[in-house]
Structure formats: structure tokens, C-alpha cells
Amino acid sequence: AHRQMVQQLAGNLMTVAKDVKIQVEFNPAKVKSYRLVGYENRVMAAEDFNNDKKDAGEIGAGHRVTALYELIPFGVEESGRRATVDELRYQTKVPAQELPRSGPDAIAAEFSDELLAVKLRYKQPEGDVSQLQTFPLKDSTKALDETDRDFQWAASMAQFAMLLKNSRYVGQSNWDSLLEQAIAAAGVNPDAARQECLEMIRKCKTL
């Protein structure tokens, strides 16, 4: 009740965008394959992204959504559990050296250093026609301990879920490493929600 009626009150009462759709397009010259972690029940067909008649989600004031992807770049061999990553659904994978260098299907030089683009389509709260915004992400790497604590916490929660369901993608993760990572991500003085989650992890570990 406190979370819904105090912390998230503005987001629950004030819609800033409706029928929000998010689509991630990976640069095939950079990404060999990918896997969306979670959200299996929210996948929308690519052709429905531009269809304003398709119902989608609402975003409230201060609302934030995190989606995690596991990526395998070109040049990295798939082995063990990673070999089970599903094939791309909406695009044909082509080796980087075979990508066209000219013509309409070529990847323009201005996009060559981009890893992906996030496309956001939404309607104004009282509108009926959607608007499109695109946010490209340059190709860069950063160690997990160099990321902000919110990202580390999100990664910990994804790991928590995979351990709970004994996922085939869990790799070398275990309850001890998860608890250590989650405590570090929660910070010195975590809020009540994160404290509650840490206690859940400790209980699961004993089971």
C-alpha cells in the first residue's frame, strides 16, 4: 500500500503516454545473436509496431522499465549453454564479411559504430496517432562493477529469477555469488523493497 499510494502515486494517477511500444533493432554487423531475458509474454510481432490499432502499455509519470539482453558478438564462438540461444526471428543473420558494401541493404558508414537502436512509439494521453523516437547506442563495453547500482540490481534480479527456475542459461551463477552481488548493488542503506528482496534471496539460499 505504501509503495502504490505514496512512492508511485504520481505514476498511478498521471498517464504521460499511452499505447507505448518499444522495439530494439540490433546492428547485424555487430551482434551475432541475442536473447531477451524475461518478458516472454510481452513479445509483439514486428509488423504490429507501426499499427496504431494494436493496444500496448501505458506509461505513468516517473515510470521506468528495464529490459536485459544477452548478446553474442560476431567473432565469439558459441559453446555450452550459449549454443541454445534462439535464432533471430525478424532478420537473417549474415556473416560480417559478407555484408553488402553498397546498395539499399548496405549498412551506412554513419551507423557502423552503433550496436543497436531503441525505437519508442507512443501516443499522447489524449491522442490517437502515434509518434516515433529513435535512440541509437554506440558500441562500447563496461565491466559490471563499473555500471551504476540500479543496473547491477536489475542484473541481480534477472540472475535471481534464473536460479529460481533452474534456467539452462544460469551458467556459473550460484546463490552465494548472487547474494554477494545483490548486497553490493543494494548499497549501504537500501530501501524497504530491496531489503525485503535480499531477505528473500537469503531464504531461498537456505532451501
N, C-alpha and C. Protein backbone atom coordinates (compact mmCIF):
# COMPACT_ATOMS: atom_id res chain seq x y z
N ALA A 1 0.83 -1.21 0.00
CA ALA A 1 0.00 0.00 0.00
C ALA A 1 0.87 1.26 0.00
N HIS A 2 1.93 1.26 0.80
CA HIS A 2 2.81 2.42 0.86
C HIS A 2 3.48 2.65 -0.49
N ARG A 3 3.91 1.56 -1.13
CA ARG A 3 4.57 1.69 -2.42
C ARG A 3 3.61 2.24 -3.48
N GLN A 4 2.36 1.71 -3.49
CA GLN A 4 1.39 2.11 -4.51
C GLN A 4 0.83 3.51 -4.27
N MET A 5 0.54 3.85 -3.02
CA MET A 5 -0.18 5.08 -2.72
C MET A 5 0.71 6.24 -2.31
N VAL A 6 1.99 5.98 -2.07
CA VAL A 6 2.91 7.06 -1.69
C VAL A 6 4.04 7.17 -2.71
N GLN A 7 4.84 6.13 -2.83
CA GLN A 7 6.01 6.20 -3.71
C GLN A 7 5.62 6.30 -5.18
N GLN A 8 4.57 5.58 -5.60
CA GLN A 8 4.21 5.52 -7.02
C GLN A 8 2.89 6.20 -7.32
N LEU A 9 2.47 7.10 -6.43
CA LEU A 9 1.16 7.72 -6.59
C LEU A 9 1.05 8.50 -7.89
N ALA A 10 2.06 9.32 -8.19
CA ALA A 10 2.00 10.15 -9.41
C ALA A 10 1.92 9.28 -10.65
N GLY A 11 2.72 8.21 -10.68
CA GLY A 11 2.71 7.33 -11.85
C GLY A 11 1.39 6.60 -12.02
N ASN A 12 0.72 6.29 -10.91
CA ASN A 12 -0.55 5.57 -10.98
C ASN A 12 -1.70 6.48 -11.40
N LEU A 13 -1.58 7.77 -11.12
CA LEU A 13 -2.68 8.70 -11.39
C LEU A 13 -2.48 9.52 -12.66
N MET A 14 -1.23 9.69 -13.08
CA MET A 14 -0.96 10.58 -14.21
C MET A 14 -0.29 9.81 -15.35
N THR A 15 -1.04 9.59 -16.43
CA THR A 15 -0.50 8.91 -17.61
C THR A 15 0.17 9.94 -18.51
N VAL A 16 1.43 9.72 -18.84
CA VAL A 16 2.15 10.66 -19.70
C VAL A 16 2.23 10.17 -21.15
N ALA A 17 1.97 8.87 -21.36
CA ALA A 17 1.97 8.32 -22.71
C ALA A 17 1.16 7.04 -22.71
N LYS A 18 0.43 6.79 -23.78
CA LYS A 18 -0.37 5.57 -23.87
C LYS A 18 0.03 4.77 -25.12
N ASP A 19 -0.38 3.50 -25.15
CA ASP A 19 -0.04 2.58 -26.24
C ASP A 19 1.45 2.66 -26.57
N VAL A 20 2.26 2.52 -25.54
CA VAL A 20 3.71 2.62 -25.70
C VAL A 20 4.27 1.29 -26.18
N LYS A 21 5.06 1.34 -27.25
CA LYS A 21 5.71 0.15 -27.79
C LYS A 21 7.21 0.42 -27.87
N ILE A 22 7.98 -0.56 -27.51
CA ILE A 22 9.44 -0.44 -27.57
C ILE A 22 9.99 -1.56 -28.44
N GLN A 23 10.82 -1.20 -29.38
CA GLN A 23 11.43 -2.17 -30.28
C GLN A 23 12.94 -1.95 -30.31
N VAL A 24 13.70 -3.01 -30.17
CA VAL A 24 15.16 -2.92 -30.21
C VAL A 24 15.65 -3.57 -31.49
N GLU A 25 16.41 -2.82 -32.27
CA GLU A 25 16.99 -3.33 -33.51
C GLU A 25 18.50 -3.40 -33.36
N PHE A 26 19.05 -4.61 -33.51
CA PHE A 26 20.48 -4.80 -33.38
C PHE A 26 21.17 -4.67 -34.72
N ASN A 27 22.38 -4.10 -34.69
CA ASN A 27 23.19 -3.97 -35.89
C ASN A 27 23.75 -5.36 -36.23
N PRO A 28 23.35 -5.97 -37.37
CA PRO A 28 23.79 -7.32 -37.69
C PRO A 28 25.29 -7.43 -37.94
N ALA A 29 25.96 -6.29 -38.14
CA ALA A 29 27.42 -6.31 -38.30
C ALA A 29 28.12 -6.44 -36.95
N LYS A 30 27.39 -6.21 -35.87
CA LYS A 30 27.98 -6.24 -34.53
C LYS A 30 27.49 -7.43 -33.69
N VAL A 31 26.22 -7.80 -33.87
CA VAL A 31 25.59 -8.79 -33.00
C VAL A 31 25.29 -10.06 -33.78
N LYS A 32 25.86 -11.16 -33.32
CA LYS A 32 25.65 -12.46 -33.97
C LYS A 32 24.30 -13.04 -33.59
N SER A 33 23.96 -12.97 -32.31
CA SER A 33 22.66 -13.44 -31.84
C SER A 33 22.36 -12.76 -30.51
N TYR A 34 21.10 -12.83 -30.10
CA TYR A 34 20.69 -12.18 -28.85
C TYR A 34 19.58 -12.98 -28.20
N ARG A 35 19.39 -12.72 -26.91
CA ARG A 35 18.30 -13.35 -26.15
C ARG A 35 17.72 -12.32 -25.20
N LEU A 36 16.43 -12.11 -25.26
CA LEU A 36 15.75 -11.24 -24.31
C LEU A 36 15.55 -12.00 -23.01
N VAL A 37 16.02 -11.43 -21.90
CA VAL A 37 15.93 -12.08 -20.60
C VAL A 37 14.58 -11.72 -19.97
N GLY A 38 13.68 -12.68 -19.92
CA GLY A 38 12.34 -12.41 -19.42
C GLY A 38 11.45 -11.79 -20.48
N TYR A 39 10.29 -11.31 -20.09
CA TYR A 39 9.32 -10.66 -20.98
C TYR A 39 8.81 -11.57 -22.08
N GLU A 40 8.90 -12.91 -21.90
CA GLU A 40 8.44 -13.81 -22.95
C GLU A 40 6.97 -13.61 -23.30
N ASN A 41 6.19 -13.14 -22.33
CA ASN A 41 4.75 -12.97 -22.56
C ASN A 41 4.39 -11.59 -23.08
N ARG A 42 5.40 -10.78 -23.40
CA ARG A 42 5.11 -9.43 -23.88
C ARG A 42 5.68 -9.16 -25.27
N VAL A 43 6.08 -10.22 -25.96
CA VAL A 43 6.67 -10.04 -27.28
C VAL A 43 5.57 -9.69 -28.28
N MET A 44 5.82 -8.65 -29.07
CA MET A 44 4.87 -8.21 -30.09
C MET A 44 5.48 -8.43 -31.47
N ALA A 45 4.68 -8.87 -32.40
CA ALA A 45 5.17 -9.08 -33.76
C ALA A 45 5.71 -7.77 -34.33
N ALA A 46 6.81 -7.86 -35.08
CA ALA A 46 7.46 -6.66 -35.60
C ALA A 46 6.52 -5.82 -36.46
N GLU A 47 5.65 -6.50 -37.21
CA GLU A 47 4.76 -5.76 -38.11
C GLU A 47 3.68 -4.99 -37.36
N ASP A 48 3.49 -5.28 -36.06
CA ASP A 48 2.49 -4.56 -35.28
C ASP A 48 3.04 -3.29 -34.64
N PHE A 49 4.34 -3.07 -34.77
CA PHE A 49 4.95 -1.92 -34.11
C PHE A 49 4.37 -0.60 -34.64
N ASN A 50 4.09 -0.52 -35.94
CA ASN A 50 3.57 0.71 -36.55
C ASN A 50 2.05 0.72 -36.64
N ASN A 51 1.41 -0.30 -36.11
CA ASN A 51 -0.05 -0.40 -36.20
C ASN A 51 -0.68 0.28 -34.99
N ASP A 52 -1.26 1.45 -35.20
CA ASP A 52 -1.84 2.22 -34.10
C ASP A 52 -3.10 1.58 -33.53
N LYS A 53 -3.63 0.57 -34.22
CA LYS A 53 -4.83 -0.11 -33.71
C LYS A 53 -4.49 -1.18 -32.68
N LYS A 54 -3.22 -1.53 -32.58
CA LYS A 54 -2.79 -2.53 -31.62
C LYS A 54 -2.62 -1.89 -30.24
N ASP A 55 -3.28 -2.48 -29.26
CA ASP A 55 -3.20 -1.94 -27.90
C ASP A 55 -1.84 -2.27 -27.29
N ALA A 56 -1.29 -1.32 -26.53
CA ALA A 56 0.00 -1.52 -25.87
C ALA A 56 -0.09 -0.94 -24.46
N GLY A 57 1.06 -0.73 -23.83
CA GLY A 57 1.06 -0.34 -22.42
C GLY A 57 1.00 1.16 -22.21
N GLU A 58 0.64 1.54 -20.99
CA GLU A 58 0.62 2.95 -20.59
C GLU A 58 1.83 3.24 -19.70
N ILE A 59 2.35 4.45 -19.82
CA ILE A 59 3.48 4.89 -19.00
C ILE A 59 3.01 6.04 -18.11
N GLY A 60 3.22 5.88 -16.80
CA GLY A 60 2.86 6.93 -15.86
C GLY A 60 4.05 7.81 -15.54
N ALA A 61 3.80 8.92 -14.88
CA ALA A 61 4.86 9.86 -14.50
C ALA A 61 5.89 9.15 -13.63
N GLY A 62 7.15 9.25 -14.02
CA GLY A 62 8.23 8.63 -13.25
C GLY A 62 8.37 7.14 -13.46
N HIS A 63 7.57 6.56 -14.35
CA HIS A 63 7.61 5.13 -14.60
C HIS A 63 8.90 4.76 -15.34
N ARG A 64 9.49 3.64 -14.96
CA ARG A 64 10.74 3.20 -15.58
C ARG A 64 10.67 1.70 -15.84
N VAL A 65 11.15 1.28 -16.99
CA VAL A 65 11.16 -0.13 -17.37
C VAL A 65 12.57 -0.54 -17.75
N THR A 66 13.00 -1.70 -17.27
CA THR A 66 14.32 -2.21 -17.60
C THR A 66 14.19 -3.53 -18.34
N ALA A 67 14.85 -3.67 -19.48
CA ALA A 67 14.90 -4.93 -20.22
C ALA A 67 16.36 -5.30 -20.41
N LEU A 68 16.68 -6.54 -20.17
CA LEU A 68 18.05 -7.03 -20.29
C LEU A 68 18.16 -8.00 -21.47
N TYR A 69 19.26 -7.88 -22.21
CA TYR A 69 19.54 -8.77 -23.33
C TYR A 69 20.89 -9.45 -23.12
N GLU A 70 20.97 -10.70 -23.50
CA GLU A 70 22.26 -11.39 -23.59
C GLU A 70 22.67 -11.36 -25.06
N LEU A 71 23.86 -10.83 -25.33
CA LEU A 71 24.33 -10.68 -26.70
C LEU A 71 25.55 -11.56 -26.96
N ILE A 72 25.63 -12.08 -28.17
CA ILE A 72 26.83 -12.77 -28.63
C ILE A 72 27.34 -11.99 -29.84
N PRO A 73 28.49 -11.32 -29.71
CA PRO A 73 29.01 -10.52 -30.82
C PRO A 73 29.59 -11.40 -31.92
N PHE A 74 29.76 -10.83 -33.08
CA PHE A 74 30.46 -11.54 -34.13
C PHE A 74 31.90 -11.78 -33.70
N GLY A 75 32.42 -12.94 -34.08
CA GLY A 75 33.78 -13.29 -33.71
C GLY A 75 33.87 -14.09 -32.44
N VAL A 76 32.74 -14.26 -31.73
CA VAL A 76 32.72 -15.03 -30.49
C VAL A 76 32.03 -16.35 -30.78
N GLU A 77 32.72 -17.45 -30.49
CA GLU A 77 32.16 -18.77 -30.73
C GLU A 77 31.13 -19.11 -29.66
N GLU A 78 30.03 -19.70 -30.08
CA GLU A 78 29.02 -20.15 -29.15
C GLU A 78 29.38 -21.56 -28.68
N SER A 79 29.33 -21.77 -27.37
CA SER A 79 29.64 -23.08 -26.83
C SER A 79 28.83 -23.32 -25.59
N GLY A 80 28.69 -24.59 -25.21
CA GLY A 80 27.96 -24.94 -23.99
C GLY A 80 26.53 -24.45 -24.02
N ARG A 81 26.11 -23.79 -22.96
CA ARG A 81 24.72 -23.34 -22.84
C ARG A 81 24.40 -22.25 -23.85
N ARG A 82 25.40 -21.46 -24.23
CA ARG A 82 25.12 -20.37 -25.17
C ARG A 82 24.69 -20.90 -26.54
N ALA A 83 25.02 -22.15 -26.84
CA ALA A 83 24.65 -22.70 -28.14
C ALA A 83 23.14 -22.85 -28.28
N THR A 84 22.40 -22.74 -27.17
CA THR A 84 20.96 -22.92 -27.22
C THR A 84 20.22 -21.61 -27.46
N VAL A 85 20.94 -20.50 -27.66
CA VAL A 85 20.28 -19.22 -27.92
C VAL A 85 19.46 -19.33 -29.19
N ASP A 86 18.22 -18.87 -29.13
CA ASP A 86 17.32 -18.99 -30.28
C ASP A 86 17.82 -18.19 -31.47
N GLU A 87 17.46 -18.67 -32.65
CA GLU A 87 17.77 -17.94 -33.87
C GLU A 87 16.99 -16.62 -33.90
N LEU A 88 17.55 -15.63 -34.58
CA LEU A 88 16.84 -14.37 -34.73
C LEU A 88 15.52 -14.59 -35.46
N ARG A 89 14.49 -13.92 -35.00
CA ARG A 89 13.17 -14.13 -35.56
C ARG A 89 12.88 -13.22 -36.75
N TYR A 90 13.37 -11.98 -36.68
CA TYR A 90 12.94 -10.98 -37.65
C TYR A 90 14.01 -10.59 -38.66
N GLN A 91 15.21 -11.12 -38.57
CA GLN A 91 16.22 -10.76 -39.55
C GLN A 91 17.11 -11.96 -39.82
N THR A 92 17.66 -12.01 -41.01
CA THR A 92 18.55 -13.08 -41.40
C THR A 92 19.96 -12.75 -40.97
N LYS A 93 20.62 -13.69 -40.32
CA LYS A 93 21.98 -13.45 -39.88
C LYS A 93 22.94 -13.67 -41.06
N VAL A 94 23.80 -12.70 -41.29
CA VAL A 94 24.78 -12.76 -42.37
C VAL A 94 26.14 -12.49 -41.79
N PRO A 95 27.15 -13.32 -42.11
CA PRO A 95 28.50 -13.05 -41.59
C PRO A 95 28.94 -11.64 -41.94
N ALA A 96 29.67 -11.00 -41.02
CA ALA A 96 30.06 -9.61 -41.20
C ALA A 96 30.80 -9.39 -42.50
N GLN A 97 31.69 -10.37 -42.88
CA GLN A 97 32.48 -10.18 -44.10
C GLN A 97 31.64 -10.29 -45.36
N GLU A 98 30.39 -10.82 -45.23
CA GLU A 98 29.53 -10.96 -46.40
C GLU A 98 28.48 -9.88 -46.49
N LEU A 99 28.49 -8.94 -45.56
CA LEU A 99 27.51 -7.86 -45.61
C LEU A 99 27.72 -7.01 -46.87
N PRO A 100 26.65 -6.60 -47.55
CA PRO A 100 26.80 -5.79 -48.75
C PRO A 100 27.48 -4.47 -48.46
N ARG A 101 28.32 -4.03 -49.37
CA ARG A 101 29.05 -2.78 -49.19
C ARG A 101 28.39 -1.62 -49.91
N SER A 102 27.38 -1.88 -50.70
CA SER A 102 26.70 -0.80 -51.42
C SER A 102 25.26 -1.23 -51.65
N GLY A 103 24.44 -0.27 -52.11
CA GLY A 103 23.05 -0.58 -52.37
C GLY A 103 22.18 -0.31 -51.17
N PRO A 104 20.86 -0.49 -51.32
CA PRO A 104 19.92 -0.13 -50.26
C PRO A 104 20.05 -0.99 -49.02
N ASP A 105 20.62 -2.19 -49.12
CA ASP A 105 20.73 -3.08 -47.97
C ASP A 105 22.04 -2.91 -47.22
N ALA A 106 22.91 -2.05 -47.69
CA ALA A 106 24.20 -1.86 -47.02
C ALA A 106 24.03 -1.10 -45.71
N ILE A 107 24.89 -1.36 -44.76
CA ILE A 107 24.89 -0.61 -43.51
C ILE A 107 25.75 0.62 -43.72
N ALA A 108 25.14 1.78 -43.63
CA ALA A 108 25.84 3.03 -43.90
C ALA A 108 26.99 3.22 -42.92
N ALA A 109 28.04 3.88 -43.40
CA ALA A 109 29.22 4.11 -42.57
C ALA A 109 28.87 4.88 -41.31
N GLU A 110 27.87 5.75 -41.39
CA GLU A 110 27.50 6.57 -40.23
C GLU A 110 26.89 5.73 -39.12
N PHE A 111 26.44 4.50 -39.43
CA PHE A 111 25.86 3.62 -38.43
C PHE A 111 26.80 2.51 -38.01
N SER A 112 27.99 2.46 -38.57
CA SER A 112 28.88 1.31 -38.38
C SER A 112 29.35 1.12 -36.95
N ASP A 113 29.38 2.20 -36.16
CA ASP A 113 29.84 2.07 -34.77
C ASP A 113 28.68 1.91 -33.79
N GLU A 114 27.46 1.75 -34.31
CA GLU A 114 26.30 1.57 -33.44
C GLU A 114 26.06 0.09 -33.16
N LEU A 115 25.76 -0.21 -31.91
CA LEU A 115 25.45 -1.58 -31.52
C LEU A 115 23.97 -1.90 -31.74
N LEU A 116 23.13 -0.93 -31.43
CA LEU A 116 21.69 -1.14 -31.54
C LEU A 116 20.97 0.21 -31.58
N ALA A 117 19.69 0.15 -31.88
CA ALA A 117 18.83 1.34 -31.82
C ALA A 117 17.55 0.96 -31.09
N VAL A 118 17.16 1.79 -30.14
CA VAL A 118 15.90 1.59 -29.42
C VAL A 118 14.85 2.49 -30.06
N LYS A 119 13.77 1.89 -30.52
CA LYS A 119 12.68 2.65 -31.14
C LYS A 119 11.50 2.69 -30.18
N LEU A 120 11.03 3.89 -29.92
CA LEU A 120 9.93 4.10 -28.99
C LEU A 120 8.76 4.73 -29.74
N ARG A 121 7.64 4.06 -29.75
CA ARG A 121 6.43 4.60 -30.39
C ARG A 121 5.35 4.76 -29.32
N TYR A 122 4.71 5.93 -29.29
CA TYR A 122 3.73 6.21 -28.24
C TYR A 122 2.70 7.22 -28.75
N LYS A 123 1.60 7.31 -28.01
CA LYS A 123 0.57 8.31 -28.28
C LYS A 123 0.48 9.25 -27.09
N GLN A 124 0.14 10.48 -27.35
CA GLN A 124 -0.15 11.42 -26.28
C GLN A 124 -1.36 10.90 -25.50
N PRO A 125 -1.48 11.24 -24.21
CA PRO A 125 -2.60 10.71 -23.41
C PRO A 125 -3.98 10.88 -24.05
N GLU A 126 -4.17 11.98 -24.78
CA GLU A 126 -5.47 12.21 -25.42
C GLU A 126 -5.40 12.03 -26.92
N GLY A 127 -4.28 11.52 -27.45
CA GLY A 127 -4.11 11.42 -28.89
C GLY A 127 -4.47 10.05 -29.46
N ASP A 128 -4.59 9.99 -30.78
CA ASP A 128 -4.93 8.75 -31.47
C ASP A 128 -3.86 8.33 -32.48
N VAL A 129 -2.92 9.24 -32.76
CA VAL A 129 -1.87 8.95 -33.73
C VAL A 129 -0.54 8.87 -32.99
N SER A 130 0.22 7.82 -33.24
CA SER A 130 1.46 7.59 -32.51
C SER A 130 2.61 8.43 -33.06
N GLN A 131 3.60 8.65 -32.22
CA GLN A 131 4.83 9.33 -32.60
C GLN A 131 6.00 8.37 -32.41
N LEU A 132 7.04 8.55 -33.21
CA LEU A 132 8.19 7.66 -33.17
C LEU A 132 9.44 8.43 -32.75
N GLN A 133 10.20 7.85 -31.82
CA GLN A 133 11.50 8.37 -31.45
C GLN A 133 12.51 7.23 -31.51
N THR A 134 13.72 7.54 -31.97
CA THR A 134 14.76 6.53 -32.11
C THR A 134 16.00 6.96 -31.34
N PHE A 135 16.56 6.04 -30.55
CA PHE A 135 17.74 6.34 -29.74
C PHE A 135 18.84 5.31 -30.05
N PRO A 136 19.86 5.69 -30.82
CA PRO A 136 20.95 4.75 -31.12
C PRO A 136 21.91 4.62 -29.94
N LEU A 137 22.54 3.46 -29.83
CA LEU A 137 23.52 3.20 -28.78
C LEU A 137 24.84 2.80 -29.43
N LYS A 138 25.90 3.56 -29.14
CA LYS A 138 27.20 3.25 -29.70
C LYS A 138 27.77 1.98 -29.06
N ASP A 139 28.60 1.29 -29.82
CA ASP A 139 29.21 0.05 -29.36
C ASP A 139 30.31 0.36 -28.35
N SER A 140 30.12 -0.06 -27.10
CA SER A 140 31.12 0.14 -26.05
C SER A 140 30.94 -0.94 -25.00
N THR A 141 31.94 -1.16 -24.19
CA THR A 141 31.87 -2.19 -23.16
C THR A 141 32.21 -1.57 -21.81
N LYS A 142 31.67 -2.19 -20.76
CA LYS A 142 31.92 -1.72 -19.40
C LYS A 142 31.74 -2.90 -18.46
N ALA A 143 32.67 -3.06 -17.54
CA ALA A 143 32.57 -4.14 -16.56
C ALA A 143 31.36 -3.91 -15.66
N LEU A 144 30.78 -4.99 -15.13
CA LEU A 144 29.58 -4.87 -14.31
C LEU A 144 29.80 -3.97 -13.10
N ASP A 145 30.96 -4.07 -12.46
CA ASP A 145 31.21 -3.25 -11.27
C ASP A 145 31.44 -1.78 -11.59
N GLU A 146 31.51 -1.44 -12.88
CA GLU A 146 31.64 -0.05 -13.30
C GLU A 146 30.30 0.58 -13.65
N THR A 147 29.25 -0.23 -13.69
CA THR A 147 27.92 0.28 -14.01
C THR A 147 27.27 0.85 -12.74
N ASP A 148 26.17 1.58 -12.91
CA ASP A 148 25.50 2.15 -11.73
C ASP A 148 24.76 1.06 -10.97
N ARG A 149 24.40 1.37 -9.73
CA ARG A 149 23.83 0.34 -8.85
C ARG A 149 22.45 -0.11 -9.31
N ASP A 150 21.69 0.74 -9.97
CA ASP A 150 20.39 0.32 -10.47
C ASP A 150 20.55 -0.77 -11.52
N PHE A 151 21.55 -0.61 -12.40
CA PHE A 151 21.80 -1.64 -13.42
C PHE A 151 22.26 -2.93 -12.75
N GLN A 152 23.16 -2.82 -11.77
CA GLN A 152 23.64 -4.00 -11.06
C GLN A 152 22.50 -4.71 -10.35
N TRP A 153 21.58 -3.94 -9.78
CA TRP A 153 20.43 -4.53 -9.10
C TRP A 153 19.54 -5.27 -10.09
N ALA A 154 19.29 -4.66 -11.25
CA ALA A 154 18.47 -5.30 -12.27
C ALA A 154 19.11 -6.61 -12.73
N ALA A 155 20.43 -6.60 -12.92
CA ALA A 155 21.14 -7.82 -13.31
C ALA A 155 21.03 -8.88 -12.22
N SER A 156 21.08 -8.47 -10.97
CA SER A 156 20.95 -9.41 -9.86
C SER A 156 19.56 -10.04 -9.84
N MET A 157 18.53 -9.24 -10.11
CA MET A 157 17.17 -9.77 -10.10
C MET A 157 16.94 -10.75 -11.25
N ALA A 158 17.55 -10.48 -12.40
CA ALA A 158 17.46 -11.42 -13.51
C ALA A 158 18.14 -12.74 -13.14
N GLN A 159 19.28 -12.63 -12.49
CA GLN A 159 20.01 -13.82 -12.03
C GLN A 159 19.17 -14.58 -10.99
N PHE A 160 18.52 -13.86 -10.09
CA PHE A 160 17.65 -14.45 -9.08
C PHE A 160 16.55 -15.29 -9.74
N ALA A 161 15.91 -14.70 -10.74
CA ALA A 161 14.82 -15.40 -11.43
C ALA A 161 15.33 -16.66 -12.13
N MET A 162 16.50 -16.59 -12.75
CA MET A 162 17.03 -17.76 -13.45
C MET A 162 17.39 -18.87 -12.48
N LEU A 163 17.91 -18.51 -11.30
CA LEU A 163 18.22 -19.53 -10.29
C LEU A 163 16.93 -20.16 -9.76
N LEU A 164 15.89 -19.36 -9.56
CA LEU A 164 14.63 -19.89 -9.05
C LEU A 164 14.02 -20.92 -10.01
N LYS A 165 14.12 -20.66 -11.31
CA LYS A 165 13.51 -21.57 -12.28
C LYS A 165 14.51 -22.58 -12.83
N ASN A 166 15.73 -22.59 -12.26
CA ASN A 166 16.77 -23.51 -12.71
C ASN A 166 16.96 -23.39 -14.23
N SER A 167 17.14 -22.16 -14.69
CA SER A 167 17.25 -21.89 -16.12
C SER A 167 18.49 -22.53 -16.72
N ARG A 168 18.38 -22.95 -17.95
CA ARG A 168 19.53 -23.52 -18.65
C ARG A 168 20.57 -22.46 -18.98
N TYR A 169 20.21 -21.18 -18.80
CA TYR A 169 21.14 -20.09 -19.09
C TYR A 169 21.88 -19.60 -17.85
N VAL A 170 21.73 -20.28 -16.72
CA VAL A 170 22.26 -19.76 -15.46
C VAL A 170 23.79 -19.77 -15.43
N GLY A 171 24.44 -20.60 -16.25
CA GLY A 171 25.90 -20.60 -16.31
C GLY A 171 26.54 -20.97 -14.99
N GLN A 172 27.51 -20.19 -14.53
CA GLN A 172 28.23 -20.48 -13.30
C GLN A 172 27.64 -19.75 -12.09
N SER A 173 26.51 -19.13 -12.27
CA SER A 173 25.88 -18.40 -11.16
C SER A 173 25.43 -19.37 -10.07
N ASN A 174 25.50 -18.92 -8.82
CA ASN A 174 25.00 -19.71 -7.69
C ASN A 174 24.46 -18.75 -6.63
N TRP A 175 23.86 -19.31 -5.57
CA TRP A 175 23.21 -18.49 -4.56
C TRP A 175 24.20 -17.61 -3.81
N ASP A 176 25.40 -18.12 -3.56
CA ASP A 176 26.40 -17.32 -2.84
C ASP A 176 26.82 -16.10 -3.65
N SER A 177 27.12 -16.32 -4.94
CA SER A 177 27.55 -15.19 -5.77
C SER A 177 26.42 -14.20 -5.98
N LEU A 178 25.19 -14.71 -6.11
CA LEU A 178 24.03 -13.82 -6.27
C LEU A 178 23.87 -12.93 -5.05
N LEU A 179 23.92 -13.52 -3.85
CA LEU A 179 23.72 -12.74 -2.63
C LEU A 179 24.81 -11.68 -2.49
N GLU A 180 26.03 -12.04 -2.79
CA GLU A 180 27.13 -11.08 -2.71
C GLU A 180 26.92 -9.93 -3.68
N GLN A 181 26.52 -10.25 -4.90
CA GLN A 181 26.30 -9.22 -5.92
C GLN A 181 25.11 -8.34 -5.56
N ALA A 182 24.03 -8.94 -5.05
CA ALA A 182 22.83 -8.17 -4.72
C ALA A 182 23.07 -7.24 -3.53
N ILE A 183 23.83 -7.70 -2.53
CA ILE A 183 24.15 -6.85 -1.38
C ILE A 183 24.95 -5.63 -1.82
N ALA A 184 25.93 -5.85 -2.71
CA ALA A 184 26.73 -4.74 -3.21
C ALA A 184 25.88 -3.77 -4.01
N ALA A 185 24.95 -4.30 -4.83
CA ALA A 185 24.10 -3.44 -5.66
C ALA A 185 23.10 -2.67 -4.81
N ALA A 186 22.64 -3.26 -3.69
CA ALA A 186 21.64 -2.60 -2.85
C ALA A 186 22.20 -1.38 -2.14
N GLY A 187 23.51 -1.37 -1.90
CA GLY A 187 24.12 -0.21 -1.25
C GLY A 187 24.11 -0.31 0.26
N VAL A 188 24.66 0.71 0.90
CA VAL A 188 24.81 0.71 2.36
C VAL A 188 23.47 0.81 3.07
N ASN A 189 22.56 1.61 2.53
CA ASN A 189 21.27 1.82 3.18
C ASN A 189 20.13 1.58 2.19
N PRO A 190 19.87 0.31 1.84
CA PRO A 190 18.84 0.02 0.83
C PRO A 190 17.44 0.33 1.33
N ASP A 191 16.54 0.61 0.38
CA ASP A 191 15.17 0.90 0.76
C ASP A 191 14.47 -0.39 1.18
N ALA A 192 13.22 -0.25 1.64
CA ALA A 192 12.49 -1.39 2.20
C ALA A 192 12.28 -2.49 1.17
N ALA A 193 12.02 -2.11 -0.09
CA ALA A 193 11.77 -3.10 -1.13
C ALA A 193 13.01 -3.96 -1.38
N ARG A 194 14.19 -3.32 -1.43
CA ARG A 194 15.41 -4.08 -1.68
C ARG A 194 15.81 -4.90 -0.46
N GLN A 195 15.57 -4.38 0.73
CA GLN A 195 15.82 -5.16 1.94
C GLN A 195 14.97 -6.42 1.95
N GLU A 196 13.71 -6.26 1.56
CA GLU A 196 12.81 -7.41 1.51
C GLU A 196 13.30 -8.44 0.50
N CYS A 197 13.78 -7.97 -0.64
CA CYS A 197 14.26 -8.87 -1.68
C CYS A 197 15.53 -9.60 -1.23
N LEU A 198 16.43 -8.90 -0.55
CA LEU A 198 17.63 -9.55 -0.03
C LEU A 198 17.26 -10.67 0.95
N GLU A 199 16.24 -10.43 1.76
CA GLU A 199 15.80 -11.45 2.71
C GLU A 199 15.23 -12.66 1.96
N MET A 200 14.54 -12.41 0.86
CA MET A 200 14.01 -13.50 0.05
C MET A 200 15.15 -14.35 -0.53
N ILE A 201 16.21 -13.68 -0.99
CA ILE A 201 17.35 -14.41 -1.54
C ILE A 201 17.99 -15.27 -0.46
N ARG A 202 18.12 -14.71 0.76
CA ARG A 202 18.72 -15.48 1.86
C ARG A 202 17.87 -16.72 2.18
N LYS A 203 16.55 -16.57 2.18
CA LYS A 203 15.68 -17.70 2.46
C LYS A 203 15.78 -18.76 1.38
N CYS A 204 15.82 -18.31 0.12
CA CYS A 204 15.95 -19.26 -1.00
C CYS A 204 17.27 -20.01 -0.91
N LYS A 205 18.30 -19.32 -0.51
CA LYS A 205 19.63 -19.94 -0.39
C LYS A 205 19.60 -21.08 0.62
N THR A 206 18.88 -20.91 1.72
CA THR A 206 18.82 -21.96 2.74
C THR A 206 18.00 -23.16 2.26
N LEU A 207 17.12 -22.94 1.28
CA LEU A 207 16.29 -24.03 0.77
C LEU A 207 17.01 -24.87 -0.27
